[in-house]
């Protein structure tokens, strides 16, 4: 049995020598969290991924850390040890006034006129992608949706088809994300961290070569908008700013969404009654099956419930780190400046105090009648919260609705009888076997 220690009064344990809790967290983070809570309560410390962390769990902790009303916490300090070599200077790796300034300039890429342009590109890209899927029939969904989201991100974000670059870019993003939780944190040749750093170098060169071609042009893609963005005070981005933000945004737009849509498809296969309900909702719009207009997005309420439930069950960012910039008090403990703290959407989203049957897929828990997500303002936090709330959350809803609308009105999808997916949770949830599914055109499935 592991020995219990106290650091600055906080109970906990270091885990294994050198590795700490890293390997256990990679295997089963939920099990680690529940074991530690049962021993020490919802505030405890442990060692993982090369540093000592204080975990603060539950919705009150989420609110305290994410709202950060006393400006206690650095997002950059929390993420830099994990992402600093891979996605430097993205929005998550900026703090306070610097973060606010960069976010204000970026808002131009997420305003309504830009989003309306993105919908047209999403409809076209998804239509082309699904046409290619028709020929496959049986395939591994995770790999297919990852390629599709990358291609649509290239159209919406870059305004260009990836062409022969696609596989190399996809691999570079994959290597970068996997390196985020590499046990060996130094980029020694052959290690995950080394592959991640090499992927970052490739992506940086790719984006940097494009920046001067976009300056002063009138494109409606996100890359061009950022190259020409000016806030109300006349501030713009440098070339390096644009490279860093595009690298991070592309990763977030296709890796996290790939994860969330995969969970959604898995659960809709397991619960065909919800697949059918969502399909009926789409059909009730009486629109062409390959084009969902921007003005009808809000009408797809069932798809939104299902997507929210998928995000609850497998949040794409299972744990959110911060570093304390000053001493603070929480849960009866005084925690010193310099401490790394973690909150856990993954833990909060399964708390029986907040969610009825938390292990079950029940999308109507987000309905007005049940409204379980409103039991606490920070019970459901897949997009974070506060100043660092995900800037692309509306884009994620939009892309998911366009994808699901076209998929549901053209195809039926199911799993092998008795199949159960085994999800790798960290760094971003995904099924270990890629989720083999069967896809049939509706006219054949009828």
Protein backbone atom coordinates (compact mmCIF):
# COMPACT_ATOMS: atom_id res chain seq x y z
CA UNK A 1 0.00 0.00 0.00
CA UNK A 2 1.29 3.46 -0.90
CA UNK A 3 2.37 5.63 2.01
CA UNK A 4 0.41 8.80 2.66
CA UNK A 5 2.25 12.09 3.05
CA UNK A 6 1.24 15.68 3.59
CA UNK A 7 2.66 18.61 1.67
CA UNK A 8 1.76 22.01 3.06
CA UNK A 9 -1.03 20.26 4.93
CA UNK A 10 -2.54 18.66 1.80
CA UNK A 11 -2.80 14.85 1.97
CA UNK A 12 -1.62 12.63 -0.85
CA UNK A 13 1.07 10.27 -2.11
CA UNK A 14 3.85 10.43 -4.70
CA UNK A 15 3.19 7.19 -6.57
CA UNK A 16 6.02 5.18 -8.08
CA UNK A 17 9.60 6.47 -8.05
CA UNK A 18 10.37 8.58 -11.15
CA UNK A 19 7.03 7.85 -12.85
CA UNK A 20 4.73 8.84 -10.00
CA UNK A 21 1.11 8.33 -11.06
CA UNK A 22 1.84 8.89 -14.77
CA UNK A 23 1.45 5.32 -15.97
CA UNK A 24 -1.66 4.72 -13.87
CA UNK A 25 -3.24 7.92 -15.21
CA UNK A 26 -2.51 6.90 -18.79
CA UNK A 27 -4.15 3.52 -18.16
CA UNK A 28 -7.23 4.66 -16.25
CA UNK A 29 -7.47 8.26 -14.98
CA UNK A 30 -10.98 7.77 -13.57
CA UNK A 31 -9.79 4.88 -11.40
CA UNK A 32 -6.87 6.94 -10.07
CA UNK A 33 -9.14 9.89 -9.24
CA UNK A 34 -11.68 7.77 -7.40
CA UNK A 35 -9.01 5.89 -5.44
CA UNK A 36 -7.35 9.11 -4.37
CA UNK A 37 -10.65 10.78 -3.44
CA UNK A 38 -11.67 7.78 -1.36
CA UNK A 39 -8.40 8.06 0.57
CA UNK A 40 -7.87 11.79 0.82
CA UNK A 41 -10.98 13.68 -0.27
CA UNK A 42 -11.42 16.00 -3.23
CA UNK A 43 -8.19 17.94 -2.60
CA UNK A 44 -5.00 15.87 -2.73
CA UNK A 45 -1.50 15.88 -4.17
CA UNK A 46 0.44 13.36 -6.26
CA UNK A 47 3.33 13.21 -8.74
CA UNK A 48 2.66 12.80 -12.47
CA UNK A 49 4.35 13.70 -15.76
CA UNK A 50 7.44 15.08 -14.08
CA UNK A 51 5.84 17.38 -11.51
CA UNK A 52 3.92 17.49 -8.26
CA UNK A 53 0.24 18.34 -8.70
CA UNK A 54 -2.55 19.28 -6.31
CA UNK A 55 -5.88 17.98 -7.65
CA UNK A 56 -8.96 20.03 -6.76
CA UNK A 57 -12.07 18.14 -7.81
CA UNK A 58 -15.75 18.94 -8.13
CA UNK A 59 -17.82 21.86 -9.44
CA UNK A 60 -16.81 24.29 -6.69
CA UNK A 61 -13.15 23.71 -7.53
CA UNK A 62 -13.93 24.16 -11.24
CA UNK A 63 -15.54 27.52 -10.54
CA UNK A 64 -12.78 28.66 -8.18
CA UNK A 65 -10.00 27.89 -10.64
CA UNK A 66 -11.66 28.75 -13.95
CA UNK A 67 -13.28 32.01 -12.89
CA UNK A 68 -10.10 32.95 -10.98
CA UNK A 69 -11.64 36.08 -9.50
CA UNK A 70 -8.50 36.77 -7.45
CA UNK A 71 -6.13 36.15 -10.40
CA UNK A 72 -4.43 33.32 -8.55
CA UNK A 73 -3.74 31.02 -11.48
CA UNK A 74 -1.56 30.96 -14.57
CA UNK A 75 -2.85 28.93 -17.50
CA UNK A 76 0.55 29.29 -19.19
CA UNK A 77 2.27 27.89 -16.11
CA UNK A 78 -0.09 24.93 -16.06
CA UNK A 79 0.15 24.05 -19.75
CA UNK A 80 3.75 25.00 -20.59
CA UNK A 81 5.34 21.83 -19.13
CA UNK A 82 2.95 19.77 -21.27
CA UNK A 83 2.57 21.89 -24.42
CA UNK A 84 5.31 24.52 -24.35
CA UNK A 85 7.59 22.69 -26.77
CA UNK A 86 4.67 21.67 -28.97
CA UNK A 87 2.13 24.51 -29.16
CA UNK A 88 3.95 27.53 -27.72
CA UNK A 89 2.11 30.81 -27.25
CA UNK A 90 -1.33 29.52 -28.13
CA UNK A 91 -4.21 31.15 -26.23
CA UNK A 92 -4.07 28.56 -23.44
CA UNK A 93 -0.41 29.43 -22.91
CA UNK A 94 -1.03 33.13 -22.34
CA UNK A 95 -2.21 34.89 -19.18
CA UNK A 96 -4.13 37.90 -17.95
CA UNK A 97 -3.67 41.10 -20.01
CA UNK A 98 -1.58 39.38 -22.69
CA UNK A 99 -4.19 36.67 -23.10
CA UNK A 100 -7.04 39.17 -23.23
CA UNK A 101 -5.27 41.25 -25.91
CA UNK A 102 -4.63 38.23 -28.15
CA UNK A 103 -8.13 36.87 -27.65
CA UNK A 104 -9.66 40.24 -28.55
CA UNK A 105 -7.85 40.29 -31.90
CA UNK A 106 -8.85 36.67 -32.58
CA UNK A 107 -12.55 37.34 -32.01
CA UNK A 108 -12.86 38.64 -35.59
CA UNK A 109 -12.49 35.06 -36.82
CA UNK A 110 -15.48 33.89 -34.74
CA UNK A 111 -18.01 36.66 -35.36
CA UNK A 112 -21.29 35.90 -37.13
CA UNK A 113 -20.27 36.94 -40.69
CA UNK A 114 -17.21 34.69 -40.50
CA UNK A 115 -19.22 31.82 -39.05
CA UNK A 116 -21.79 32.08 -41.84
CA UNK A 117 -18.99 31.74 -44.39
CA UNK A 118 -17.59 28.75 -42.53
CA UNK A 119 -20.94 26.90 -42.70
CA UNK A 120 -20.92 26.94 -46.49
CA UNK A 121 -17.40 25.49 -46.54
CA UNK A 122 -18.30 22.89 -43.92
CA UNK A 123 -21.32 21.72 -45.89
CA UNK A 124 -19.23 21.30 -49.03
CA UNK A 125 -16.31 19.58 -47.33
CA UNK A 126 -18.49 17.20 -45.33
CA UNK A 127 -20.56 16.35 -48.41
CA UNK A 128 -17.41 15.39 -50.31
CA UNK A 129 -16.07 13.41 -47.35
CA UNK A 130 -19.27 11.43 -46.89
CA UNK A 131 -19.38 10.63 -50.59
CA UNK A 132 -15.99 8.95 -50.15
CA UNK A 133 -17.27 7.07 -47.10
CA UNK A 134 -20.14 5.62 -49.15
CA UNK A 135 -17.63 3.44 -50.96
CA UNK A 136 -16.10 2.14 -47.72
CA UNK A 137 -19.12 0.66 -45.97
CA UNK A 138 -17.20 -0.93 -43.11
CA UNK A 139 -14.30 1.04 -41.67
CA UNK A 140 -12.67 2.42 -38.54
CA UNK A 141 -14.53 5.57 -37.72
CA UNK A 142 -11.88 7.39 -35.70
CA UNK A 143 -9.32 7.45 -38.50
CA UNK A 144 -11.96 8.45 -41.05
CA UNK A 145 -13.44 11.32 -39.03
CA UNK A 146 -9.95 12.54 -38.11
CA UNK A 147 -9.11 12.83 -41.80
CA UNK A 148 -12.46 14.48 -42.55
CA UNK A 149 -12.12 17.07 -39.76
CA UNK A 150 -8.57 17.83 -40.90
CA UNK A 151 -9.74 18.35 -44.47
CA UNK A 152 -12.63 20.58 -43.42
CA UNK A 153 -10.32 22.51 -41.08
CA UNK A 154 -7.98 23.05 -44.03
CA UNK A 155 -10.86 24.48 -46.05
CA UNK A 156 -12.36 26.62 -43.28
CA UNK A 157 -9.15 27.63 -41.52
CA UNK A 158 -6.70 27.76 -44.39
CA UNK A 159 -8.93 28.28 -47.42
CA UNK A 160 -7.07 25.60 -49.32
CA UNK A 161 -7.17 21.85 -49.91
CA UNK A 162 -4.36 20.03 -48.17
CA UNK A 163 -3.66 17.72 -51.09
CA UNK A 164 -0.45 15.73 -50.71
CA UNK A 165 0.34 17.62 -47.48
CA UNK A 166 -2.61 16.02 -45.66
CA UNK A 167 -0.96 12.86 -44.33
CA UNK A 168 2.17 14.69 -43.21
CA UNK A 169 0.18 17.39 -41.41
CA UNK A 170 -2.10 14.83 -39.79
CA UNK A 171 0.90 12.89 -38.52
CA UNK A 172 2.54 16.09 -37.22
CA UNK A 173 -0.57 16.99 -35.20
CA UNK A 174 -0.87 13.41 -33.92
CA UNK A 175 2.76 13.34 -32.79
CA UNK A 176 2.43 16.73 -31.10
CA UNK A 177 -0.68 15.75 -29.15
CA UNK A 178 0.75 12.39 -28.06
CA UNK A 179 3.92 14.10 -26.83
CA UNK A 180 1.86 16.24 -24.47
CA UNK A 181 1.68 13.38 -21.94
CA UNK A 182 4.95 11.63 -22.78
CA UNK A 183 6.56 10.20 -19.66
CA UNK A 184 10.01 11.25 -20.93
CA UNK A 185 9.77 15.06 -21.19
CA UNK A 186 13.10 15.69 -22.97
CA UNK A 187 13.10 15.44 -26.80
CA UNK A 188 15.60 12.58 -27.00
CA UNK A 189 15.71 11.15 -30.55
CA UNK A 190 13.21 8.33 -30.95
CA UNK A 191 10.97 9.36 -28.04
CA UNK A 192 7.39 10.64 -28.22
CA UNK A 193 8.57 14.09 -27.18
CA UNK A 194 11.16 14.17 -29.94
CA UNK A 195 8.56 13.17 -32.54
CA UNK A 196 6.23 15.84 -31.19
CA UNK A 197 8.89 18.54 -31.43
CA UNK A 198 9.70 17.48 -34.98
CA UNK A 199 6.01 17.70 -35.82
CA UNK A 200 5.89 21.21 -34.38
CA UNK A 201 8.84 22.29 -36.55
CA UNK A 202 7.13 21.00 -39.67
CA UNK A 203 3.86 22.76 -38.87
CA UNK A 204 5.62 26.01 -38.02
CA UNK A 205 7.40 26.03 -41.39
CA UNK A 206 4.16 25.18 -43.21
CA UNK A 207 2.23 28.09 -41.64
CA UNK A 208 5.10 30.59 -41.75
CA UNK A 209 5.51 30.20 -45.51
CA UNK A 210 1.82 31.06 -45.96
CA UNK A 211 1.63 34.22 -43.83
CA UNK A 212 3.12 36.74 -46.32
CA UNK A 213 0.83 35.34 -49.02
CA UNK A 214 -2.25 36.23 -46.93
CA UNK A 215 -1.34 39.72 -45.70
CA UNK A 216 -3.51 42.35 -47.35
CA UNK A 217 -5.80 39.88 -49.12
CA UNK A 218 -9.58 39.57 -48.78
CA UNK A 219 -9.99 35.85 -48.06
CA UNK A 220 -12.77 34.64 -45.75
CA UNK A 221 -10.86 31.68 -44.26
CA UNK A 222 -9.69 31.93 -40.65
CA UNK A 223 -5.97 32.07 -41.53
CA UNK A 224 -6.45 35.10 -43.80
CA UNK A 225 -8.72 36.78 -41.25
CA UNK A 226 -6.05 36.42 -38.55
CA UNK A 227 -3.34 37.69 -40.90
CA UNK A 228 -5.35 40.87 -41.37
CA UNK A 229 -7.13 41.12 -37.99
CA UNK A 230 -7.11 44.47 -36.21
CA UNK A 231 -8.79 45.16 -32.86
CA UNK A 232 -10.56 48.39 -31.93
CA UNK A 233 -7.25 49.87 -30.77
CA UNK A 234 -5.43 49.08 -34.00
CA UNK A 235 -3.45 46.09 -32.67
CA UNK A 236 -2.47 43.29 -35.07
CA UNK A 237 -0.64 39.98 -34.89
CA UNK A 238 3.01 39.44 -35.77
CA UNK A 239 3.95 36.62 -38.16
CA UNK A 240 5.04 34.51 -35.19
CA UNK A 241 1.75 35.18 -33.38
CA UNK A 242 -0.19 33.96 -36.41
CA UNK A 243 1.90 30.81 -36.73
CA UNK A 244 1.46 29.97 -33.04
CA UNK A 245 -2.28 30.62 -33.05
CA UNK A 246 -2.93 28.70 -36.26
CA UNK A 247 -0.95 25.73 -35.03
CA UNK A 248 -2.95 25.63 -31.82
CA UNK A 249 -6.33 26.33 -33.43
CA UNK A 250 -5.88 23.64 -36.07
CA UNK A 251 -4.99 21.11 -33.39
CA UNK A 252 -7.99 22.06 -31.27
CA UNK A 253 -10.34 22.16 -34.24
CA UNK A 254 -9.58 18.70 -35.52
CA UNK A 255 -8.13 16.61 -32.68
CA UNK A 256 -10.59 17.52 -29.95
CA UNK A 257 -13.59 17.49 -32.29
CA UNK A 258 -12.50 14.14 -33.73
CA UNK A 259 -12.57 12.75 -30.20
CA UNK A 260 -15.98 14.19 -29.33
CA UNK A 261 -17.71 13.15 -32.54
CA UNK A 262 -16.28 9.63 -32.18
CA UNK A 263 -17.81 9.31 -28.73
CA UNK A 264 -21.09 10.67 -30.12
CA UNK A 265 -21.19 8.13 -32.96
CA UNK A 266 -20.31 5.28 -30.61
CA UNK A 267 -23.17 6.16 -28.29
CA UNK A 268 -25.67 6.69 -31.12
CA UNK A 269 -24.77 3.22 -32.40
CA UNK A 270 -25.36 1.79 -28.93
CA UNK A 271 -28.61 3.72 -28.55
CA UNK A 272 -30.39 3.54 -31.93
CA UNK A 273 -33.49 5.15 -30.42
CA UNK A 274 -31.52 8.39 -30.11
CA UNK A 275 -30.06 7.96 -33.59
CA UNK A 276 -33.60 7.64 -34.95
CA UNK A 277 -34.86 10.61 -32.93
CA UNK A 278 -32.06 12.81 -34.22
CA UNK A 279 -32.71 11.64 -37.80
CA UNK A 280 -36.42 12.51 -37.49
CA UNK A 281 -35.50 15.96 -36.20
CA UNK A 282 -33.27 16.54 -39.23
CA UNK A 283 -35.91 15.30 -41.65
CA UNK A 284 -38.51 17.60 -40.09
CA UNK A 285 -36.59 20.62 -41.40
CA UNK A 286 -37.63 19.64 -44.96
CA UNK A 287 -34.32 20.81 -46.41
CA UNK A 288 -31.91 19.19 -48.87
CA UNK A 289 -30.05 16.34 -47.13
CA UNK A 290 -26.62 17.63 -48.09
CA UNK A 291 -26.84 21.26 -46.97
CA UNK A 292 -27.70 22.69 -43.54
CA UNK A 293 -28.03 26.50 -43.66
CA UNK A 294 -26.63 28.62 -40.86
CA UNK A 295 -30.06 29.96 -39.85
CA UNK A 296 -31.36 26.42 -39.10
CA UNK A 297 -28.53 25.33 -36.77
CA UNK A 298 -30.43 26.23 -33.60
CA UNK A 299 -33.35 23.99 -34.58
CA UNK A 300 -31.35 20.77 -34.10
CA UNK A 301 -32.00 20.48 -30.37
CA UNK A 302 -31.75 16.69 -30.09
CA UNK A 303 -28.37 16.64 -31.84
CA UNK A 304 -27.21 19.33 -29.43
CA UNK A 305 -28.33 17.26 -26.43
CA UNK A 306 -26.55 14.19 -27.81
CA UNK A 307 -23.36 16.15 -28.46
CA UNK A 308 -23.42 17.64 -24.96
CA UNK A 309 -23.89 14.17 -23.50
CA UNK A 310 -20.93 12.85 -25.50
CA UNK A 311 -18.84 15.75 -24.18
CA UNK A 312 -19.99 14.90 -20.66
CA UNK A 313 -19.08 11.25 -20.95
CA UNK A 314 -15.68 11.81 -22.60
CA UNK A 315 -14.60 15.46 -22.31
CA UNK A 316 -11.86 16.05 -24.91
CA UNK A 317 -9.70 17.76 -22.27
CA UNK A 318 -10.06 15.42 -19.26
CA UNK A 319 -7.87 17.51 -16.94
CA UNK A 320 -7.09 21.25 -16.86
CA UNK A 321 -3.83 22.40 -15.20
CA UNK A 322 -2.93 25.76 -13.71
CA UNK A 323 0.01 27.10 -11.69
CA UNK A 324 -0.62 29.23 -8.62
CA UNK A 325 1.02 32.65 -8.95
CA UNK A 326 0.30 33.43 -5.28
CA UNK A 327 -0.70 31.61 -2.12
CA UNK A 328 -4.41 30.80 -1.92
CA UNK A 329 -6.92 28.99 0.27
CA UNK A 330 -9.36 26.34 -0.86
CA UNK A 331 -11.20 23.49 0.84
CA UNK A 332 -9.65 24.29 4.20
CA UNK A 333 -6.08 24.16 2.88
CA UNK A 334 -3.53 26.89 2.29
CA UNK A 335 -1.67 26.16 -0.93
CA UNK A 336 1.56 28.03 -1.70
CA UNK A 337 2.55 30.00 -4.78
CA UNK A 338 4.23 27.90 -7.45
CA UNK A 339 1.97 24.88 -6.92
CA UNK A 340 0.59 23.12 -10.00
CA UNK A 341 -3.14 22.50 -9.56
CA UNK A 342 -5.47 20.37 -11.68
CA UNK A 343 -9.21 20.38 -12.03
CA UNK A 344 -10.94 17.47 -13.74
CA UNK A 345 -13.95 17.79 -16.06
CA UNK A 346 -13.78 14.01 -16.40
CA UNK A 347 -14.34 13.52 -12.66
CA UNK A 348 -17.01 16.19 -12.29
CA UNK A 349 -19.00 14.87 -15.26
CA UNK A 350 -19.49 11.51 -13.55
CA UNK A 351 -20.37 12.70 -10.03
CA UNK A 352 -23.63 11.01 -8.91
CA UNK A 353 -24.38 14.08 -6.77
CA UNK A 354 -24.81 16.02 -10.02
CA UNK A 355 -25.87 13.48 -12.63
CA UNK A 356 -28.53 10.78 -12.52
CA UNK A 357 -27.12 7.47 -13.78
CA UNK A 358 -23.83 9.19 -14.68
CA UNK A 359 -22.42 6.20 -16.56
CA UNK A 360 -25.42 6.07 -18.91
CA UNK A 361 -25.94 7.92 -22.20
CA UNK A 362 -29.05 10.00 -21.50
CA UNK A 363 -29.09 13.10 -23.72
CA UNK A 364 -32.38 14.38 -22.32
CA UNK A 365 -30.57 15.21 -19.08
CA UNK A 366 -29.83 18.49 -20.91
CA UNK A 367 -33.52 19.13 -21.64
CA UNK A 368 -35.50 21.87 -19.90
CA UNK A 369 -37.35 19.18 -17.96
CA UNK A 370 -34.23 17.57 -16.42
CA UNK A 371 -31.60 20.34 -16.76
CA UNK A 372 -29.02 18.40 -14.77
CA UNK A 373 -26.23 20.62 -16.10
CA UNK A 374 -27.80 23.53 -14.21
CA UNK A 375 -27.45 22.00 -10.77
CA UNK A 376 -24.19 23.93 -10.58
CA UNK A 377 -22.82 26.50 -13.03
CA UNK A 378 -19.63 24.45 -13.32
CA UNK A 379 -21.07 20.94 -13.33
CA UNK A 380 -20.52 20.65 -17.10
CA UNK A 381 -17.22 22.13 -18.25
CA UNK A 382 -15.96 20.42 -21.44
CA UNK A 383 -15.01 23.83 -22.86
CA UNK A 384 -13.47 25.15 -19.65
CA UNK A 385 -14.76 28.47 -18.36
CA UNK A 386 -13.94 32.00 -17.38
CA UNK A 387 -11.42 34.04 -19.36
CA UNK A 388 -10.04 30.88 -20.98
CA UNK A 389 -13.39 29.46 -22.12
CA UNK A 390 -12.77 27.74 -25.47
CA UNK A 391 -13.01 30.44 -28.13
CA UNK A 392 -14.10 27.87 -30.72
CA UNK A 393 -16.99 26.28 -28.83
CA UNK A 394 -19.67 27.65 -31.20
CA UNK A 395 -17.63 26.45 -34.16
CA UNK A 396 -17.55 22.97 -32.58
CA UNK A 397 -21.36 22.92 -32.25
CA UNK A 398 -21.71 24.18 -35.80
CA UNK A 399 -19.41 21.60 -37.36
CA UNK A 400 -20.96 18.78 -35.37
CA UNK A 401 -24.49 19.75 -36.40
CA UNK A 402 -23.58 20.06 -40.08
CA UNK A 403 -21.80 16.70 -40.00
CA UNK A 404 -24.56 14.89 -38.11
CA UNK A 405 -27.30 16.43 -40.28
CA UNK A 406 -25.73 15.13 -43.49
CA UNK A 407 -24.77 11.78 -41.98
CA UNK A 408 -28.18 11.07 -40.46
CA UNK A 409 -30.17 11.98 -43.57
CA UNK A 410 -28.01 9.86 -45.85
CA UNK A 411 -26.80 6.91 -43.76
CA UNK A 412 -27.58 4.42 -41.03
CA UNK A 413 -24.66 3.29 -38.87
CA UNK A 414 -24.21 0.51 -36.35
CA UNK A 415 -21.65 -1.68 -34.56
CA UNK A 416 -21.09 -5.42 -34.43
CA UNK A 417 -23.41 -7.15 -31.96
CA UNK A 418 -21.88 -7.19 -28.50
CA UNK A 419 -19.10 -4.76 -29.35
CA UNK A 420 -17.83 -2.45 -26.60
CA UNK A 421 -15.17 0.19 -27.22
CA UNK A 422 -12.14 0.53 -24.99
CA UNK A 423 -11.25 4.22 -24.84
CA UNK A 424 -7.80 5.64 -24.23
CA UNK A 425 -8.61 8.76 -22.20
CA UNK A 426 -5.34 10.71 -22.18
CA UNK A 427 -4.17 12.95 -23.73
CA UNK A 428 -7.39 13.10 -25.78
CA UNK A 429 -10.02 10.33 -25.62
CA UNK A 430 -10.10 7.89 -28.50
CA UNK A 431 -11.08 4.22 -29.01
CA UNK A 432 -7.99 2.04 -28.97
CA UNK A 433 -9.18 -0.01 -31.96
CA UNK A 434 -10.37 2.99 -33.99
CA UNK A 435 -14.09 2.13 -33.56
CA UNK A 436 -15.02 -0.27 -36.40
CA UNK A 437 -18.49 0.65 -37.67
CA UNK A 438 -20.85 -0.38 -40.45
CA UNK A 439 -22.21 2.44 -42.61
CA UNK A 440 -25.15 1.88 -44.97
CA UNK A 441 -26.94 4.35 -47.27
CA UNK A 442 -30.48 4.84 -45.97
CA UNK A 443 -32.02 3.54 -49.18
CA UNK A 444 -30.16 0.23 -48.64
CA UNK A 445 -30.82 0.05 -44.91
CA UNK A 446 -34.59 0.59 -45.32
